[in-house]
């Protein structure tokens, strides 16, 4: 979902007009309209104001990339900063393989680290 779509859903979910939001953010209605229609992106200062106003965080506003690309029967969840969980009902096999490989790499690094610590303690 694009930033503009999110802004529109947040605004309409509160039954507010673009003008009302613009006044609260101390910006022009035209600027807010451009953000909501994805014709422009707000500066970081304005993104922080928007996130504060809607009681969310900047990352959630900017996150446009879905984790899920292909359909399978597996599920994955995302934990957000506000402790909510989003469940995606599909995940690609390629992503699963990548996660497993990363877990194996991490396990190997931890094992190497433990051996190094043991050798240093023996000195």
PDB file of N, CA and C in Angstrom:
ATOM      1  N   UNK A   1       0.855  -1.171   0.000  1.00  0.00           N
ATOM      2  CA  UNK A   1       0.000   0.000   0.000  1.00  0.00           C
ATOM      3  C   UNK A   1       0.901   1.233   0.000  1.00  0.00           C
ATOM      4  N   UNK A   2       0.598   2.186  -0.836  1.00  0.00           N
ATOM      5  CA  UNK A   2       1.423   3.397  -0.940  1.00  0.00           C
ATOM      6  C   UNK A   2       1.164   4.327   0.240  1.00  0.00           C
ATOM      7  N   UNK A   3       2.082   5.271   0.425  1.00  0.00           N
ATOM      8  CA  UNK A   3       1.915   6.269   1.478  1.00  0.00           C
ATOM      9  C   UNK A   3       0.619   7.038   1.269  1.00  0.00           C
ATOM     10  N   UNK A   4       0.333   7.430   0.051  1.00  0.00           N
ATOM     11  CA  UNK A   4      -0.884   8.185  -0.241  1.00  0.00           C
ATOM     12  C   UNK A   4      -2.142   7.417   0.124  1.00  0.00           C
ATOM     13  N   UNK A   5      -2.172   6.142  -0.210  1.00  0.00           N
ATOM     14  CA  UNK A   5      -3.321   5.300   0.131  1.00  0.00           C
ATOM     15  C   UNK A   5      -3.480   5.203   1.640  1.00  0.00           C
ATOM     16  N   UNK A   6      -2.353   5.031   2.350  1.00  0.00           N
ATOM     17  CA  UNK A   6      -2.412   4.964   3.812  1.00  0.00           C
ATOM     18  C   UNK A   6      -2.936   6.271   4.394  1.00  0.00           C
ATOM     19  N   UNK A   7      -2.427   7.397   3.879  1.00  0.00           N
ATOM     20  CA  UNK A   7      -2.882   8.696   4.387  1.00  0.00           C
ATOM     21  C   UNK A   7      -4.380   8.869   4.160  1.00  0.00           C
ATOM     22  N   UNK A   8      -4.843   8.455   2.989  1.00  0.00           N
ATOM     23  CA  UNK A   8      -6.268   8.570   2.682  1.00  0.00           C
ATOM     24  C   UNK A   8      -7.100   7.719   3.636  1.00  0.00           C
ATOM     25  N   UNK A   9      -6.675   6.480   3.863  1.00  0.00           N
ATOM     26  CA  UNK A   9      -7.419   5.595   4.760  1.00  0.00           C
ATOM     27  C   UNK A   9      -7.412   6.113   6.191  1.00  0.00           C
ATOM     28  N   UNK A  10      -6.270   6.625   6.635  1.00  0.00           N
ATOM     29  CA  UNK A  10      -6.189   7.167   7.990  1.00  0.00           C
ATOM     30  C   UNK A  10      -7.106   8.378   8.144  1.00  0.00           C
ATOM     31  N   UNK A  11      -7.081   9.251   7.145  1.00  0.00           N
ATOM     32  CA  UNK A  11      -7.887  10.475   7.209  1.00  0.00           C
ATOM     33  C   UNK A  11      -9.372  10.158   7.145  1.00  0.00           C
ATOM     34  N   UNK A  12      -9.773   9.358   6.160  1.00  0.00           N
ATOM     35  CA  UNK A  12     -11.197   9.070   6.003  1.00  0.00           C
ATOM     36  C   UNK A  12     -11.717   8.206   7.158  1.00  0.00           C
ATOM     37  N   UNK A  13     -10.828   7.398   7.749  1.00  0.00           N
ATOM     38  CA  UNK A  13     -11.222   6.607   8.900  1.00  0.00           C
ATOM     39  C   UNK A  13     -11.576   7.463  10.113  1.00  0.00           C
ATOM     40  N   UNK A  14     -11.071   8.679  10.114  1.00  0.00           N
ATOM     41  CA  UNK A  14     -11.374   9.619  11.207  1.00  0.00           C
ATOM     42  C   UNK A  14     -12.395  10.675  10.791  1.00  0.00           C
ATOM     43  N   UNK A  15     -12.951  10.489   9.600  1.00  0.00           N
ATOM     44  CA  UNK A  15     -13.957  11.420   9.067  1.00  0.00           C
ATOM     45  C   UNK A  15     -13.458  12.858   9.037  1.00  0.00           C
ATOM     46  N   UNK A  16     -12.222  13.032   8.571  1.00  0.00           N
ATOM     47  CA  UNK A  16     -11.637  14.364   8.475  1.00  0.00           C
ATOM     48  C   UNK A  16     -11.428  14.736   7.009  1.00  0.00           C
ATOM     49  N   UNK A  17     -11.419  16.022   6.743  1.00  0.00           N
ATOM     50  CA  UNK A  17     -11.126  16.503   5.395  1.00  0.00           C
ATOM     51  C   UNK A  17      -9.628  16.746   5.257  1.00  0.00           C
ATOM     52  N   UNK A  18      -9.185  16.862   4.032  1.00  0.00           N
ATOM     53  CA  UNK A  18      -7.780  17.199   3.805  1.00  0.00           C
ATOM     54  C   UNK A  18      -7.451  18.554   4.423  1.00  0.00           C
ATOM     55  N   UNK A  19      -8.386  19.487   4.354  1.00  0.00           N
ATOM     56  CA  UNK A  19      -8.164  20.811   4.918  1.00  0.00           C
ATOM     57  C   UNK A  19      -7.972  20.732   6.435  1.00  0.00           C
ATOM     58  N   UNK A  20      -8.784  19.916   7.102  1.00  0.00           N
ATOM     59  CA  UNK A  20      -8.655  19.782   8.555  1.00  0.00           C
ATOM     60  C   UNK A  20      -7.293  19.208   8.939  1.00  0.00           C
ATOM     61  N   UNK A  21      -6.850  18.198   8.204  1.00  0.00           N
ATOM     62  CA  UNK A  21      -5.536  17.604   8.480  1.00  0.00           C
ATOM     63  C   UNK A  21      -4.439  18.631   8.204  1.00  0.00           C
ATOM     64  N   UNK A  22      -4.535  19.314   7.080  1.00  0.00           N
ATOM     65  CA  UNK A  22      -3.527  20.304   6.722  1.00  0.00           C
ATOM     66  C   UNK A  22      -3.406  21.379   7.797  1.00  0.00           C
ATOM     67  N   UNK A  23      -4.529  21.835   8.314  1.00  0.00           N
ATOM     68  CA  UNK A  23      -4.493  22.856   9.374  1.00  0.00           C
ATOM     69  C   UNK A  23      -3.805  22.321  10.622  1.00  0.00           C
ATOM     70  N   UNK A  24      -4.101  21.097  10.992  1.00  0.00           N
ATOM     71  CA  UNK A  24      -3.491  20.508  12.192  1.00  0.00           C
ATOM     72  C   UNK A  24      -1.990  20.298  12.013  1.00  0.00           C
ATOM     73  N   UNK A  25      -1.552  20.033  10.775  1.00  0.00           N
ATOM     74  CA  UNK A  25      -0.135  19.817  10.498  1.00  0.00           C
ATOM     75  C   UNK A  25       0.597  21.107  10.133  1.00  0.00           C
ATOM     76  N   UNK A  26      -0.146  22.207  10.035  1.00  0.00           N
ATOM     77  CA  UNK A  26       0.404  23.523   9.665  1.00  0.00           C
ATOM     78  C   UNK A  26       1.059  23.480   8.279  1.00  0.00           C
ATOM     79  N   UNK A  27       0.310  22.903   7.332  1.00  0.00           N
ATOM     80  CA  UNK A  27       0.743  22.839   5.938  1.00  0.00           C
ATOM     81  C   UNK A  27      -0.432  23.254   5.065  1.00  0.00           C
ATOM     82  N   UNK A  28      -0.180  23.367   3.765  1.00  0.00           N
ATOM     83  CA  UNK A  28      -1.279  23.715   2.863  1.00  0.00           C
ATOM     84  C   UNK A  28      -2.080  22.464   2.507  1.00  0.00           C
ATOM     85  N   UNK A  29      -3.346  22.677   2.190  1.00  0.00           N
ATOM     86  CA  UNK A  29      -4.202  21.566   1.766  1.00  0.00           C
ATOM     87  C   UNK A  29      -3.662  20.980   0.468  1.00  0.00           C
ATOM     88  N   UNK A  30      -3.111  21.836  -0.392  1.00  0.00           N
ATOM     89  CA  UNK A  30      -2.545  21.391  -1.664  1.00  0.00           C
ATOM     90  C   UNK A  30      -1.386  20.422  -1.433  1.00  0.00           C
ATOM     91  N   UNK A  31      -0.526  20.722  -0.452  1.00  0.00           N
ATOM     92  CA  UNK A  31       0.601  19.834  -0.147  1.00  0.00           C
ATOM     93  C   UNK A  31       0.086  18.474   0.329  1.00  0.00           C
ATOM     94  N   UNK A  32      -0.898  18.501   1.231  1.00  0.00           N
ATOM     95  CA  UNK A  32      -1.436  17.238   1.741  1.00  0.00           C
ATOM     96  C   UNK A  32      -2.093  16.436   0.622  1.00  0.00           C
ATOM     97  N   UNK A  33      -2.791  17.131  -0.256  1.00  0.00           N
ATOM     98  CA  UNK A  33      -3.427  16.463  -1.397  1.00  0.00           C
ATOM     99  C   UNK A  33      -2.391  15.761  -2.268  1.00  0.00           C
ATOM    100  N   UNK A  34      -1.256  16.409  -2.501  1.00  0.00           N
ATOM    101  CA  UNK A  34      -0.195  15.791  -3.310  1.00  0.00           C
ATOM    102  C   UNK A  34       0.361  14.541  -2.631  1.00  0.00           C
ATOM    103  N   UNK A  35       0.485  14.576  -1.307  1.00  0.00           N
ATOM    104  CA  UNK A  35       0.980  13.400  -0.589  1.00  0.00           C
ATOM    105  C   UNK A  35      -0.031  12.265  -0.673  1.00  0.00           C
ATOM    106  N   UNK A  36      -1.301  12.618  -0.475  1.00  0.00           N
ATOM    107  CA  UNK A  36      -2.347  11.603  -0.462  1.00  0.00           C
ATOM    108  C   UNK A  36      -2.567  10.999  -1.850  1.00  0.00           C
ATOM    109  N   UNK A  37      -2.276  11.765  -2.886  1.00  0.00           N
ATOM    110  CA  UNK A  37      -2.445  11.249  -4.255  1.00  0.00           C
ATOM    111  C   UNK A  37      -1.126  10.720  -4.829  1.00  0.00           C
ATOM    112  N   UNK A  38      -0.104  10.600  -3.973  1.00  0.00           N
ATOM    113  CA  UNK A  38       1.212  10.075  -4.355  1.00  0.00           C
ATOM    114  C   UNK A  38       1.894  10.875  -5.463  1.00  0.00           C
ATOM    115  N   UNK A  39       1.575  12.165  -5.521  1.00  0.00           N
ATOM    116  CA  UNK A  39       2.247  13.033  -6.488  1.00  0.00           C
ATOM    117  C   UNK A  39       3.506  13.651  -5.906  1.00  0.00           C
ATOM    118  N   UNK A  40       3.643  13.593  -4.577  1.00  0.00           N
ATOM    119  CA  UNK A  40       4.821  14.103  -3.878  1.00  0.00           C
ATOM    120  C   UNK A  40       4.959  13.356  -2.563  1.00  0.00           C
ATOM    121  N   UNK A  41       6.147  13.407  -1.999  1.00  0.00           N
ATOM    122  CA  UNK A  41       6.417  12.781  -0.698  1.00  0.00           C
ATOM    123  C   UNK A  41       6.727  13.895   0.309  1.00  0.00           C
ATOM    124  N   UNK A  42       6.208  13.769   1.522  1.00  0.00           N
ATOM    125  CA  UNK A  42       6.503  14.778   2.537  1.00  0.00           C
ATOM    126  C   UNK A  42       7.945  14.676   3.029  1.00  0.00           C
ATOM    127  N   UNK A  43       8.494  15.799   3.482  1.00  0.00           N
ATOM    128  CA  UNK A  43       9.818  15.812   4.096  1.00  0.00           C
ATOM    129  C   UNK A  43       9.748  15.058   5.423  1.00  0.00           C
ATOM    130  N   UNK A  44      10.906  14.651   5.927  1.00  0.00           N
ATOM    131  CA  UNK A  44      10.953  13.866   7.163  1.00  0.00           C
ATOM    132  C   UNK A  44      10.254  14.592   8.318  1.00  0.00           C
ATOM    133  N   UNK A  45      10.434  15.886   8.432  1.00  0.00           N
ATOM    134  CA  UNK A  45       9.778  16.657   9.495  1.00  0.00           C
ATOM    135  C   UNK A  45       8.256  16.500   9.422  1.00  0.00           C
ATOM    136  N   UNK A  46       7.716  16.581   8.206  1.00  0.00           N
ATOM    137  CA  UNK A  46       6.271  16.422   8.031  1.00  0.00           C
ATOM    138  C   UNK A  46       5.830  14.975   8.233  1.00  0.00           C
ATOM    139  N   UNK A  47       6.668  14.017   7.829  1.00  0.00           N
ATOM    140  CA  UNK A  47       6.350  12.612   8.083  1.00  0.00           C
ATOM    141  C   UNK A  47       6.221  12.351   9.580  1.00  0.00           C
ATOM    142  N   UNK A  48       7.104  12.965  10.355  1.00  0.00           N
ATOM    143  CA  UNK A  48       7.054  12.789  11.804  1.00  0.00           C
ATOM    144  C   UNK A  48       5.787  13.422  12.382  1.00  0.00           C
ATOM    145  N   UNK A  49       5.387  14.567  11.851  1.00  0.00           N
ATOM    146  CA  UNK A  49       4.139  15.199  12.292  1.00  0.00           C
ATOM    147  C   UNK A  49       2.938  14.308  11.970  1.00  0.00           C
ATOM    148  N   UNK A  50       2.948  13.745  10.759  1.00  0.00           N
ATOM    149  CA  UNK A  50       1.852  12.864  10.327  1.00  0.00           C
ATOM    150  C   UNK A  50       1.788  11.637  11.233  1.00  0.00           C
ATOM    151  N   UNK A  51       2.943  11.025  11.483  1.00  0.00           N
ATOM    152  CA  UNK A  51       2.990   9.829  12.326  1.00  0.00           C
ATOM    153  C   UNK A  51       2.477  10.151  13.730  1.00  0.00           C
ATOM    154  N   UNK A  52       2.878  11.287  14.269  1.00  0.00           N
ATOM    155  CA  UNK A  52       2.386  11.691  15.596  1.00  0.00           C
ATOM    156  C   UNK A  52       0.876  11.902  15.579  1.00  0.00           C
ATOM    157  N   UNK A  53       0.395  12.592  14.553  1.00  0.00           N
ATOM    158  CA  UNK A  53      -1.028  12.891  14.470  1.00  0.00           C
ATOM    159  C   UNK A  53      -1.860  11.614  14.405  1.00  0.00           C
ATOM    160  N   UNK A  54      -1.421  10.660  13.578  1.00  0.00           N
ATOM    161  CA  UNK A  54      -2.170   9.418  13.397  1.00  0.00           C
ATOM    162  C   UNK A  54      -1.775   8.336  14.408  1.00  0.00           C
ATOM    163  N   UNK A  55      -0.878   8.677  15.328  1.00  0.00           N
ATOM    164  CA  UNK A  55      -0.432   7.753  16.369  1.00  0.00           C
ATOM    165  C   UNK A  55       0.113   6.458  15.794  1.00  0.00           C
ATOM    166  N   UNK A  56       1.035   6.611  14.849  1.00  0.00           N
ATOM    167  CA  UNK A  56       1.721   5.484  14.236  1.00  0.00           C
ATOM    168  C   UNK A  56       3.192   5.846  14.149  1.00  0.00           C
ATOM    169  N   UNK A  57       4.002   5.038  13.502  1.00  0.00           N
ATOM    170  CA  UNK A  57       5.396   5.434  13.331  1.00  0.00           C
ATOM    171  C   UNK A  57       5.717   5.634  11.860  1.00  0.00           C
ATOM    172  N   UNK A  58       6.806   6.330  11.618  1.00  0.00           N
ATOM    173  CA  UNK A  58       7.200   6.696  10.258  1.00  0.00           C
ATOM    174  C   UNK A  58       7.437   5.450   9.411  1.00  0.00           C
ATOM    175  N   UNK A  59       8.054   4.424  10.016  1.00  0.00           N
ATOM    176  CA  UNK A  59       8.328   3.206   9.261  1.00  0.00           C
ATOM    177  C   UNK A  59       7.035   2.596   8.708  1.00  0.00           C
ATOM    178  N   UNK A  60       6.003   2.519   9.529  1.00  0.00           N
ATOM    179  CA  UNK A  60       4.742   1.942   9.063  1.00  0.00           C
ATOM    180  C   UNK A  60       4.126   2.776   7.950  1.00  0.00           C
ATOM    181  N   UNK A  61       4.319   4.079   7.999  1.00  0.00           N
ATOM    182  CA  UNK A  61       3.798   4.928   6.930  1.00  0.00           C
ATOM    183  C   UNK A  61       4.539   4.695   5.619  1.00  0.00           C
ATOM    184  N   UNK A  62       5.849   4.518   5.703  1.00  0.00           N
ATOM    185  CA  UNK A  62       6.669   4.414   4.498  1.00  0.00           C
ATOM    186  C   UNK A  62       6.774   3.003   3.943  1.00  0.00           C
ATOM    187  N   UNK A  63       6.458   2.000   4.737  1.00  0.00           N
ATOM    188  CA  UNK A  63       6.610   0.618   4.302  1.00  0.00           C
ATOM    189  C   UNK A  63       5.600   0.292   3.202  1.00  0.00           C
ATOM    190  N   UNK A  64       6.088   0.232   1.964  1.00  0.00           N
ATOM    191  CA  UNK A  64       5.229  -0.058   0.812  1.00  0.00           C
ATOM    192  C   UNK A  64       5.475  -1.447   0.254  1.00  0.00           C
ATOM    193  N   UNK A  65       6.518  -2.124   0.711  1.00  0.00           N
ATOM    194  CA  UNK A  65       6.891  -3.408   0.138  1.00  0.00           C
ATOM    195  C   UNK A  65       6.258  -4.545   0.921  1.00  0.00           C
ATOM    196  N   UNK A  66       5.387  -5.312   0.280  1.00  0.00           N
ATOM    197  CA  UNK A  66       4.832  -6.460   0.988  1.00  0.00           C
ATOM    198  C   UNK A  66       5.891  -7.533   1.143  1.00  0.00           C
ATOM    199  N   UNK A  67       5.875  -8.239   2.256  1.00  0.00           N
ATOM    200  CA  UNK A  67       6.815  -9.328   2.470  1.00  0.00           C
ATOM    201  C   UNK A  67       6.498 -10.484   1.542  1.00  0.00           C
ATOM    202  N   UNK A  68       5.237 -10.694   1.252  1.00  0.00           N
ATOM    203  CA  UNK A  68       4.796 -11.852   0.489  1.00  0.00           C
ATOM    204  C   UNK A  68       4.816 -11.542  -1.002  1.00  0.00           C
ATOM    205  N   UNK A  69       5.417 -12.442  -1.785  1.00  0.00           N
ATOM    206  CA  UNK A  69       5.454 -12.275  -3.229  1.00  0.00           C
ATOM    207  C   UNK A  69       4.672 -13.359  -3.964  1.00  0.00           C
ATOM    208  N   UNK A  70       4.784 -14.614  -3.515  1.00  0.00           N
ATOM    209  CA  UNK A  70       4.124 -15.745  -4.173  1.00  0.00           C
ATOM    210  C   UNK A  70       3.191 -16.432  -3.200  1.00  0.00           C
ATOM    211  N   UNK A  71       2.214 -17.179  -3.722  1.00  0.00           N
ATOM    212  CA  UNK A  71       1.245 -17.859  -2.869  1.00  0.00           C
ATOM    213  C   UNK A  71       1.678 -19.288  -2.559  1.00  0.00           C
ATOM    214  N   UNK A  72       1.634 -19.651  -1.274  1.00  0.00           N
ATOM    215  CA  UNK A  72       1.760 -21.029  -0.817  1.00  0.00           C
ATOM    216  C   UNK A  72       0.843 -21.169   0.382  1.00  0.00           C
ATOM    217  N   UNK A  73       0.875 -22.294   1.025  1.00  0.00           N
ATOM    218  CA  UNK A  73       0.002 -22.525   2.172  1.00  0.00           C
ATOM    219  C   UNK A  73       0.639 -22.119   3.495  1.00  0.00           C
ATOM    220  N   UNK A  74       1.790 -21.516   3.479  1.00  0.00           N
ATOM    221  CA  UNK A  74       2.480 -21.160   4.716  1.00  0.00           C
ATOM    222  C   UNK A  74       2.085 -19.748   5.144  1.00  0.00           C
ATOM    223  N   UNK A  75       2.288 -19.455   6.422  1.00  0.00           N
ATOM    224  CA  UNK A  75       1.938 -18.140   6.961  1.00  0.00           C
ATOM    225  C   UNK A  75       3.149 -17.538   7.658  1.00  0.00           C
ATOM    226  N   UNK A  76       3.194 -16.217   7.685  1.00  0.00           N
ATOM    227  CA  UNK A  76       4.242 -15.490   8.391  1.00  0.00           C
ATOM    228  C   UNK A  76       3.600 -14.279   9.047  1.00  0.00           C
ATOM    229  N   UNK A  77       4.156 -13.848  10.167  1.00  0.00           N
ATOM    230  CA  UNK A  77       3.613 -12.679  10.862  1.00  0.00           C
ATOM    231  C   UNK A  77       4.663 -11.603  10.990  1.00  0.00           C
ATOM    232  N   UNK A  78       4.236 -10.345  11.022  1.00  0.00           N
ATOM    233  CA  UNK A  78       5.118  -9.204  11.231  1.00  0.00           C
ATOM    234  C   UNK A  78       4.723  -8.530  12.531  1.00  0.00           C
ATOM    235  N   UNK A  79       5.693  -8.280  13.407  1.00  0.00           N
ATOM    236  CA  UNK A  79       5.415  -7.559  14.642  1.00  0.00           C
ATOM    237  C   UNK A  79       5.859  -6.126  14.431  1.00  0.00           C
ATOM    238  N   UNK A  80       4.958  -5.189  14.648  1.00  0.00           N
ATOM    239  CA  UNK A  80       5.243  -3.777  14.438  1.00  0.00           C
ATOM    240  C   UNK A  80       5.619  -3.118  15.756  1.00  0.00           C
ATOM    241  N   UNK A  81       6.150  -1.898  15.678  1.00  0.00           N
ATOM    242  CA  UNK A  81       6.596  -1.183  16.866  1.00  0.00           C
ATOM    243  C   UNK A  81       5.478  -0.948  17.873  1.00  0.00           C
ATOM    244  N   UNK A  82       4.255  -0.879  17.430  1.00  0.00           N
ATOM    245  CA  UNK A  82       3.146  -0.637  18.353  1.00  0.00           C
ATOM    246  C   UNK A  82       2.568  -1.946  18.884  1.00  0.00           C
ATOM    247  N   UNK A  83       3.368  -3.036  18.757  1.00  0.00           N
ATOM    248  CA  UNK A  83       3.012  -4.355  19.295  1.00  0.00           C
ATOM    249  C   UNK A  83       1.791  -4.983  18.639  1.00  0.00           C
ATOM    250  N   UNK A  84       1.424  -4.531  17.449  1.00  0.00           N
ATOM    251  CA  UNK A  84       0.373  -5.210  16.707  1.00  0.00           C
ATOM    252  C   UNK A  84       1.033  -6.233  15.799  1.00  0.00           C
ATOM    253  N   UNK A  85       0.301  -7.241  15.429  1.00  0.00           N
ATOM    254  CA  UNK A  85       0.836  -8.290  14.568  1.00  0.00           C
ATOM    255  C   UNK A  85       0.003  -8.356  13.304  1.00  0.00           C
ATOM    256  N   UNK A  86       0.676  -8.332  12.163  1.00  0.00           N
ATOM    257  CA  UNK A  86       0.017  -8.491  10.881  1.00  0.00           C
ATOM    258  C   UNK A  86       0.348  -9.879  10.365  1.00  0.00           C
ATOM    259  N   UNK A  87      -0.656 -10.642  10.011  1.00  0.00           N
ATOM    260  CA  UNK A  87      -0.437 -12.000   9.503  1.00  0.00           C
ATOM    261  C   UNK A  87      -0.636 -12.002   7.998  1.00  0.00           C
ATOM    262  N   UNK A  88       0.389 -12.464   7.304  1.00  0.00           N
ATOM    263  CA  UNK A  88       0.301 -12.653   5.860  1.00  0.00           C
ATOM    264  C   UNK A  88       0.129 -14.144   5.631  1.00  0.00           C
ATOM    265  N   UNK A  89      -0.862 -14.531   4.874  1.00  0.00           N
ATOM    266  CA  UNK A  89      -1.180 -15.942   4.706  1.00  0.00           C
ATOM    267  C   UNK A  89      -0.349 -16.648   3.650  1.00  0.00           C
ATOM    268  N   UNK A  90       0.544 -15.932   3.005  1.00  0.00           N
ATOM    269  CA  UNK A  90       1.353 -16.583   1.989  1.00  0.00           C
ATOM    270  C   UNK A  90       2.805 -16.158   2.126  1.00  0.00           C
ATOM    271  N   UNK A  91       3.688 -17.036   1.686  1.00  0.00           N
ATOM    272  CA  UNK A  91       5.114 -16.738   1.685  1.00  0.00           C
ATOM    273  C   UNK A  91       5.760 -17.589   0.594  1.00  0.00           C
ATOM    274  N   UNK A  92       6.739 -17.042  -0.093  1.00  0.00           N
ATOM    275  CA  UNK A  92       7.353 -17.771  -1.194  1.00  0.00           C
ATOM    276  C   UNK A  92       8.323 -18.828  -0.687  1.00  0.00           C
ATOM    277  N   UNK A  93       8.453 -19.899  -1.437  1.00  0.00           N
ATOM    278  CA  UNK A  93       9.408 -20.959  -1.098  1.00  0.00           C
ATOM    279  C   UNK A  93      10.822 -20.404  -1.091  1.00  0.00           C
ATOM    280  N   UNK A  94      11.110 -19.492  -2.012  1.00  0.00           N
ATOM    281  CA  UNK A  94      12.437 -18.890  -2.098  1.00  0.00           C
ATOM    282  C   UNK A  94      12.775 -18.141  -0.810  1.00  0.00           C
ATOM    283  N   UNK A  95      11.803 -17.428  -0.266  1.00  0.00           N
ATOM    284  CA  UNK A  95      12.014 -16.695   0.978  1.00  0.00           C
ATOM    285  C   UNK A  95      12.246 -17.663   2.135  1.00  0.00           C
ATOM    286  N   UNK A  96      11.499 -18.755   2.170  1.00  0.00           N
ATOM    287  CA  UNK A  96      11.680 -19.761   3.224  1.00  0.00           C
ATOM    288  C   UNK A  96      13.089 -20.331   3.166  1.00  0.00           C
ATOM    289  N   UNK A  97      13.552 -20.672   1.972  1.00  0.00           N
ATOM    290  CA  UNK A  97      14.904 -21.214   1.817  1.00  0.00           C
ATOM    291  C   UNK A  97      15.949 -20.202   2.274  1.00  0.00           C
ATOM    292  N   UNK A  98      15.742 -18.952   1.953  1.00  0.00           N
ATOM    293  CA  UNK A  98      16.668 -17.901   2.360  1.00  0.00           C
ATOM    294  C   UNK A  98      16.703 -17.758   3.882  1.00  0.00           C
ATOM    295  N   UNK A  99      15.549 -17.824   4.515  1.00  0.00           N
ATOM    296  CA  UNK A  99      15.478 -17.721   5.972  1.00  0.00           C
ATOM    297  C   UNK A  99      16.207 -18.892   6.624  1.00  0.00           C
ATOM    298  N   UNK A 100      15.989 -20.092   6.091  1.00  0.00           N
ATOM    299  CA  UNK A 100      16.651 -21.288   6.646  1.00  0.00           C
ATOM    300  C   UNK A 100      18.159 -21.171   6.504  1.00  0.00           C
ATOM    301  N   UNK A 101      18.629 -20.729   5.338  1.00  0.00           N
ATOM    302  CA  UNK A 101      20.071 -20.567   5.130  1.00  0.00           C
ATOM    303  C   UNK A 101      20.635 -19.536   6.090  1.00  0.00           C
ATOM    304  N   UNK A 102      19.933 -18.433   6.275  1.00  0.00           N
ATOM    305  CA  UNK A 102      20.402 -17.405   7.214  1.00  0.00           C
ATOM    306  C   UNK A 102      20.475 -17.962   8.639  1.00  0.00           C
ATOM    307  N   UNK A 103      19.502 -18.754   9.029  1.00  0.00           N
ATOM    308  CA  UNK A 103      19.515 -19.357  10.362  1.00  0.00           C
ATOM    309  C   UNK A 103      20.718 -20.289  10.521  1.00  0.00           C
ATOM    310  N   UNK A 104      21.026 -21.067   9.471  1.00  0.00           N
ATOM    311  CA  UNK A 104      22.177 -21.969   9.518  1.00  0.00           C
ATOM    312  C   UNK A 104      23.477 -21.177   9.607  1.00  0.00           C
ATOM    313  N   UNK A 105      23.580 -20.078   8.852  1.00  0.00           N
ATOM    314  CA  UNK A 105      24.765 -19.229   8.897  1.00  0.00           C
ATOM    315  C   UNK A 105      24.952 -18.625  10.283  1.00  0.00           C
ATOM    316  N   UNK A 106      23.858 -18.201  10.885  1.00  0.00           N
ATOM    317  CA  UNK A 106      23.924 -17.614  12.229  1.00  0.00           C
ATOM    318  C   UNK A 106      24.388 -18.666  13.237  1.00  0.00           C
ATOM    319  N   UNK A 107      23.844 -19.868  13.119  1.00  0.00           N
ATOM    320  CA  UNK A 107      24.237 -20.955  14.028  1.00  0.00           C
ATOM    321  C   UNK A 107      25.731 -21.248  13.892  1.00  0.00           C
ATOM    322  N   UNK A 108      26.246 -21.259  12.661  1.00  0.00           N
ATOM    323  CA  UNK A 108      27.670 -21.509  12.437  1.00  0.00           C
ATOM    324  C   UNK A 108      28.522 -20.393  13.038  1.00  0.00           C
ATOM    325  N   UNK A 109      28.090 -19.159  12.904  1.00  0.00           N
ATOM    326  CA  UNK A 109      28.825 -18.036  13.486  1.00  0.00           C
ATOM    327  C   UNK A 109      28.840 -18.110  15.011  1.00  0.00           C
ATOM    328  N   UNK A 110      27.718 -18.462  15.606  1.00  0.00           N
ATOM    329  CA  UNK A 110      27.649 -18.585  17.069  1.00  0.00           C
ATOM    330  C   UNK A 110      28.585 -19.694  17.537  1.00  0.00           C
ATOM    331  N   UNK A 111      28.598 -20.795  16.815  1.00  0.00           N
ATOM    332  CA  UNK A 111      29.486 -21.902  17.181  1.00  0.00           C
ATOM    333  C   UNK A 111      30.952 -21.467  17.092  1.00  0.00           C
ATOM    334  N   UNK A 112      31.312 -20.748  16.032  1.00  0.00           N
ATOM    335  CA  UNK A 112      32.688 -20.256  15.893  1.00  0.00           C
ATOM    336  C   UNK A 112      33.031 -19.282  17.015  1.00  0.00           C
ATOM    337  N   UNK A 113      32.094 -18.425  17.345  1.00  0.00           N
ATOM    338  CA  UNK A 113      32.311 -17.463  18.425  1.00  0.00           C
ATOM    339  C   UNK A 113      32.528 -18.193  19.753  1.00  0.00           C
ATOM    340  N   UNK A 114      31.735 -19.198  20.012  1.00  0.00           N
ATOM    341  CA  UNK A 114      31.879 -19.966  21.249  1.00  0.00           C
ATOM    342  C   UNK A 114      33.250 -20.649  21.325  1.00  0.00           C
ATOM    343  N   UNK A 115      33.717 -21.219  20.217  1.00  0.00           N
ATOM    344  CA  UNK A 115      35.035 -21.854  20.189  1.00  0.00           C
ATOM    345  C   UNK A 115      36.132 -20.822  20.442  1.00  0.00           C
ATOM    346  N   UNK A 116      36.005 -19.650  19.864  1.00  0.00           N
ATOM    347  CA  UNK A 116      36.987 -18.597  20.078  1.00  0.00           C
ATOM    348  C   UNK A 116      37.021 -18.177  21.544  1.00  0.00           C
ATOM    349  N   UNK A 117      35.862 -18.025  22.141  1.00  0.00           N
ATOM    350  CA  UNK A 117      35.776 -17.640  23.556  1.00  0.00           C
ATOM    351  C   UNK A 117      36.413 -18.721  24.428  1.00  0.00           C
ATOM    352  N   UNK A 118      36.139 -19.989  24.129  1.00  0.00           N
ATOM    353  CA  UNK A 118      36.714 -21.083  24.885  1.00  0.00           C
ATOM    354  C   UNK A 118      38.230 -21.069  24.794  1.00  0.00           C
ATOM    355  N   UNK A 119      38.752 -20.846  23.593  1.00  0.00           N
ATOM    356  CA  UNK A 119      40.224 -20.831  23.422  1.00  0.00           C
ATOM    357  C   UNK A 119      40.843 -19.650  24.148  1.00  0.00           C
ATOM    358  N   UNK A 120      40.165 -18.526  24.187  1.00  0.00           N
ATOM    359  CA  UNK A 120      40.692 -17.367  24.905  1.00  0.00           C
ATOM    360  C   UNK A 120      40.659 -17.589  26.420  1.00  0.00           C
ATOM    361  N   UNK A 121      39.659 -18.287  26.896  1.00  0.00           N
ATOM    362  CA  UNK A 121      39.547 -18.554  28.333  1.00  0.00           C
ATOM    363  C   UNK A 121      40.590 -19.553  28.808  1.00  0.00           C
ATOM    364  N   UNK A 122      41.051 -20.418  27.918  1.00  0.00           N
ATOM    365  CA  UNK A 122      42.066 -21.403  28.279  1.00  0.00           C
ATOM    366  C   UNK A 122      43.450 -20.781  28.425  1.00  0.00           C
ATOM    367  N   UNK A 123      43.650 -19.627  27.911  1.00  0.00           N
ATOM    368  CA  UNK A 123      44.976 -18.976  27.961  1.00  0.00           C
ATOM    369  C   UNK A 123      45.327 -18.524  29.328  1.00  0.00           C
TER     370      UNK A 123
END
